[in-house]
Amino acid sequence: MRACHAFLQPGDTLVVPALDRYGRSLKDLVNVVGELRGRGVGFTSLHERLDTTTAGGRLIFHVFAALAEFIRALIASGTREGLAAARARGNVGGRPTVATPEIIRAARDMLRRSAPAPGPRSASRSPRRWCRLAGSTGRRAPAGPG
């Protein structure tokens, strides 16, 4: 994209197949189109039929940008409200816990004793692997009794 921008001269028009193929985000797209306009370079999107070389095209581009930002804010607000409602019902969300207190206690006991995990090829299996725990699980879990 930088090479393309460096190649463009005042009076040129950059033609893209669609807006979503050009910018990483809406803010980025608006900034890039503004920078091109400042250099005297037009911008045209074939899919949306936008041409920022005209006053009407610039108006439509900014209206689309404002609507997209508004919709993104509505989605974010609805998501936050939905998560709050789920928490109020007792749903915490996220990945389910794999390690029960008993499994964590058994893994800690094995680590403390430096005992291999039970089962075939026990010498090659660490207590964390035997209990299917991530490396940080034993450190994050509350110590509890035992």
Protein backbone atom coordinates (compact mmCIF):
# COMPACT_ATOMS: atom_id res chain seq x y z
CA MET A 1 0.00 0.00 0.00
CA ARG A 2 2.90 2.38 0.78
CA ALA A 3 4.42 1.77 -2.63
CA CYS A 4 1.06 2.51 -4.26
CA HIS A 5 0.72 5.77 -2.30
CA ALA A 6 4.26 6.80 -3.19
CA PHE A 7 3.49 6.24 -6.88
CA LEU A 8 0.35 8.43 -6.89
CA GLN A 9 0.68 11.99 -8.18
CA PRO A 10 -1.68 14.97 -7.73
CA GLY A 11 -4.61 14.60 -10.12
CA ASP A 12 -4.51 10.76 -9.99
CA THR A 13 -7.39 8.69 -8.65
CA LEU A 14 -6.84 5.56 -6.59
CA VAL A 15 -9.46 2.95 -7.53
CA VAL A 16 -10.16 0.08 -5.11
CA PRO A 17 -12.58 -2.83 -5.55
CA ALA A 18 -14.29 -2.26 -2.17
CA LEU A 19 -13.81 -0.13 0.94
CA ASP A 20 -13.30 -3.12 3.22
CA ARG A 21 -10.37 -4.28 1.06
CA TYR A 22 -8.48 -1.04 1.53
CA GLY A 23 -8.50 0.02 5.19
CA ARG A 24 -7.82 -1.98 8.35
CA SER A 25 -10.51 -0.04 10.16
CA LEU A 26 -12.96 2.74 9.43
CA LYS A 27 -10.78 5.27 11.23
CA ASP A 28 -7.78 4.15 9.18
CA LEU A 29 -9.78 4.39 5.96
CA VAL A 30 -11.02 7.91 6.73
CA ASN A 31 -7.46 9.00 7.60
CA VAL A 32 -6.01 7.50 4.41
CA VAL A 33 -8.69 9.08 2.20
CA GLY A 34 -8.11 12.43 3.94
CA GLU A 35 -4.35 12.13 3.40
CA LEU A 36 -4.90 11.32 -0.29
CA ARG A 37 -7.24 14.29 -0.67
CA GLY A 38 -4.63 16.54 0.94
CA ARG A 39 -2.16 15.42 -1.71
CA GLY A 40 -4.68 16.09 -4.50
CA VAL A 41 -5.36 12.39 -5.15
CA GLY A 42 -8.92 11.13 -5.64
CA PHE A 43 -10.35 7.91 -4.23
CA THR A 44 -12.94 5.67 -5.87
CA SER A 45 -14.51 2.46 -4.59
CA LEU A 46 -16.10 0.33 -7.29
CA HIS A 47 -18.35 -1.78 -5.07
CA GLU A 48 -19.88 1.14 -3.17
CA ARG A 49 -19.73 3.42 -6.23
CA LEU A 50 -18.05 6.16 -4.20
CA ASP A 51 -16.00 8.83 -5.90
CA THR A 52 -14.37 11.32 -3.53
CA THR A 53 -13.28 13.56 -6.39
CA THR A 54 -16.76 15.13 -6.25
CA ALA A 55 -18.40 17.00 -3.36
CA GLY A 56 -21.33 14.55 -3.36
CA GLY A 57 -18.98 11.57 -3.26
CA ARG A 58 -17.12 13.04 -0.27
CA LEU A 59 -20.44 13.64 1.50
CA ILE A 60 -21.61 10.06 0.94
CA PHE A 61 -18.22 8.71 2.05
CA HIS A 62 -18.42 10.60 5.36
CA VAL A 63 -22.07 9.64 5.88
CA PHE A 64 -21.11 5.96 5.41
CA ALA A 65 -18.24 6.45 7.85
CA ALA A 66 -20.49 8.07 10.46
CA LEU A 67 -23.13 5.33 10.10
CA ALA A 68 -20.54 2.59 10.42
CA GLU A 69 -19.14 4.18 13.59
CA PHE A 70 -22.67 4.52 15.00
CA ILE A 71 -23.48 0.87 14.27
CA ARG A 72 -20.20 -0.28 15.84
CA ALA A 73 -21.04 1.72 19.00
CA LEU A 74 -24.53 0.17 19.14
CA ILE A 75 -23.08 -3.35 18.82
CA ALA A 76 -20.51 -2.68 21.56
CA SER A 77 -23.20 -1.26 23.85
CA GLY A 78 -25.50 -4.22 23.23
CA THR A 79 -22.66 -6.65 23.89
CA ARG A 80 -21.80 -4.96 27.21
CA GLU A 81 -25.46 -4.98 28.26
CA GLY A 82 -25.83 -8.64 27.30
CA LEU A 83 -22.73 -9.63 29.28
CA ALA A 84 -23.98 -7.67 32.32
CA ALA A 85 -27.39 -9.37 32.10
CA ALA A 86 -25.74 -12.79 31.83
CA ARG A 87 -23.57 -12.03 34.89
CA ALA A 88 -26.69 -10.97 36.80
CA ARG A 89 -28.24 -14.36 35.98
CA GLY A 90 -25.13 -16.08 37.32
CA ASN A 91 -23.43 -16.92 34.01
CA VAL A 92 -19.77 -16.01 34.13
CA GLY A 93 -18.87 -16.84 30.53
CA GLY A 94 -15.46 -17.81 29.28
CA ARG A 95 -13.86 -21.18 28.95
CA PRO A 96 -15.06 -23.81 31.45
CA THR A 97 -12.68 -24.75 34.24
CA VAL A 98 -10.88 -28.03 33.63
CA ALA A 99 -9.06 -28.36 36.92
CA THR A 100 -11.12 -29.25 39.95
CA PRO A 101 -9.66 -28.60 43.41
CA GLU A 102 -9.01 -32.36 43.74
CA ILE A 103 -7.00 -32.49 40.49
CA ILE A 104 -4.96 -29.44 41.49
CA ARG A 105 -4.31 -30.93 44.94
CA ALA A 106 -3.18 -34.24 43.38
CA ALA A 107 -0.84 -32.47 40.96
CA ARG A 108 0.67 -30.38 43.76
CA ASP A 109 1.19 -33.49 45.90
CA MET A 110 2.93 -35.25 43.00
CA LEU A 111 5.12 -32.21 42.36
CA ARG A 112 5.97 -31.92 46.05
CA ARG A 113 6.97 -35.60 46.20
CA SER A 114 8.54 -35.47 42.72
CA ALA A 115 6.56 -38.62 42.02
CA PRO A 116 5.83 -39.62 38.43
CA ALA A 117 2.22 -39.63 37.32
CA PRO A 118 0.48 -43.00 37.50
CA GLY A 119 -0.09 -45.10 34.42
CA PRO A 120 1.92 -46.43 31.47
CA ARG A 121 5.06 -44.51 30.57
CA SER A 122 4.67 -42.70 33.86
CA ALA A 123 8.29 -41.59 33.93
CA SER A 124 7.74 -39.48 30.80
CA ARG A 125 4.58 -37.78 32.04
CA SER A 126 4.66 -34.86 34.43
CA PRO A 127 1.86 -34.36 36.96
CA ARG A 128 0.62 -31.33 35.05
CA ARG A 129 0.37 -33.33 31.83
CA TRP A 130 -1.28 -36.25 33.61
CA CYS A 131 -3.88 -33.91 35.09
CA ARG A 132 -4.16 -32.01 31.77
CA LEU A 133 -3.32 -28.67 33.35
CA ALA A 134 -1.66 -25.65 31.80
CA GLY A 135 1.68 -24.70 33.29
CA SER A 136 0.21 -21.69 35.10
CA THR A 137 -2.86 -23.45 36.55
CA GLY A 138 -1.10 -24.75 39.62
CA ARG A 139 0.36 -21.34 40.37
CA ARG A 140 -2.94 -19.46 39.91
CA ALA A 141 -5.21 -21.87 41.77
CA PRO A 142 -5.83 -21.11 45.44
CA ALA A 143 -3.73 -23.30 47.73
CA GLY A 144 -6.61 -24.48 49.91
CA PRO A 145 -6.27 -27.26 52.46
CA GLY A 146 -3.93 -30.16 51.78
